[in-house]
Protein backbone atom coordinates (compact mmCIF):
# COMPACT_ATOMS: atom_id res chain seq x y z
CA MET A 1 -2.17 1.22 -33.20
CA GLN A 2 -0.06 -1.58 -31.76
CA THR A 3 3.02 0.63 -31.82
CA PHE A 4 1.19 3.37 -29.92
CA ALA A 5 -0.03 0.86 -27.32
CA ALA A 6 3.50 -0.51 -26.92
CA LEU A 7 4.89 3.01 -26.45
CA VAL A 8 2.29 3.74 -23.77
CA LEU A 9 3.23 0.52 -21.99
CA PHE A 10 6.95 1.38 -22.19
CA ALA A 11 6.27 4.88 -20.86
CA THR A 12 4.31 3.38 -17.96
CA THR A 13 7.17 0.99 -17.25
CA ILE A 14 9.77 3.75 -17.20
CA PHE A 15 7.60 6.00 -15.04
CA ASN A 16 6.92 3.29 -12.45
CA ILE A 17 10.52 2.12 -12.27
CA ALA A 18 11.73 5.71 -11.89
CA THR A 19 9.18 6.87 -9.31
CA TRP A 20 8.44 3.97 -6.97
CA PRO A 21 11.96 3.51 -5.57
CA THR A 22 12.26 7.26 -4.95
CA PHE A 23 8.89 7.30 -3.23
CA PHE A 24 9.81 4.30 -1.09
CA ARG A 25 13.08 5.89 0.05
CA ARG A 26 11.00 8.78 1.38
CA VAL A 27 8.64 6.36 3.11
CA ALA A 28 11.56 4.52 4.70
CA ARG A 29 12.91 7.79 6.15
CA ASP A 30 9.51 8.85 7.47
CA GLU A 31 9.15 8.80 11.26
CA ARG A 32 6.01 6.66 10.93
CA ALA A 33 7.98 3.85 9.24
CA ARG A 34 9.58 2.58 12.48
CA ASP A 35 8.33 2.25 16.02
CA ALA A 36 10.30 3.14 19.16
CA GLN A 37 12.14 -0.22 19.04
CA GLY A 38 13.12 0.28 15.40
CA ARG A 39 10.74 -2.33 13.99
CA ALA A 40 8.87 -1.72 10.76
CA THR A 41 5.33 -0.44 11.28
CA SER A 42 2.22 -1.20 9.26
CA PHE A 43 2.79 2.14 7.49
CA TYR A 44 6.11 0.80 6.19
CA ARG A 45 4.75 -2.64 5.32
CA VAL A 46 1.75 -1.29 3.42
CA HIS A 47 3.97 0.96 1.33
CA LEU A 48 6.38 -1.92 0.74
CA VAL A 49 3.49 -3.97 -0.66
CA LEU A 50 2.48 -1.01 -2.85
CA LEU A 51 6.07 -0.77 -4.11
CA MET A 52 6.15 -4.46 -4.98
CA ILE A 53 2.81 -4.24 -6.81
CA GLY A 54 3.97 -1.13 -8.69
CA ILE A 55 7.20 -2.77 -9.80
CA ALA A 56 5.38 -5.98 -10.77
CA LEU A 57 2.93 -3.98 -12.88
CA ALA A 58 5.81 -2.08 -14.45
CA LEU A 59 7.51 -5.32 -15.42
CA ALA A 60 4.24 -6.74 -16.77
CA SER A 61 3.74 -3.56 -18.81
CA GLY A 62 7.25 -3.86 -20.20
CA VAL A 63 6.72 -7.49 -21.17
CA ALA A 64 3.36 -6.65 -22.75
CA GLY A 65 5.00 -3.83 -24.72
CA ILE A 66 7.68 -6.18 -25.99
CA MET A 67 5.04 -8.73 -26.95
CA LEU A 68 3.12 -6.07 -28.89
CA ILE A 69 6.23 -4.93 -30.76
CA THR A 70 7.28 -8.45 -31.67
CA ALA A 71 3.78 -9.70 -32.60
């Protein structure tokens, strides 16, 4: 069961690391990401926070997977 849990955590890690940067590139190119002066809008900042949380969770999942495998 530990091996299965570790594999699920690794799959989650890979998925998040593969998808969040791609998603954020799209957000950064969106017209709502910058105002008329070129400054980042709340739309951009909120998605940046979501990206950081997603990557942090991906790293935590990876570490937890490693801990399960080595336990």
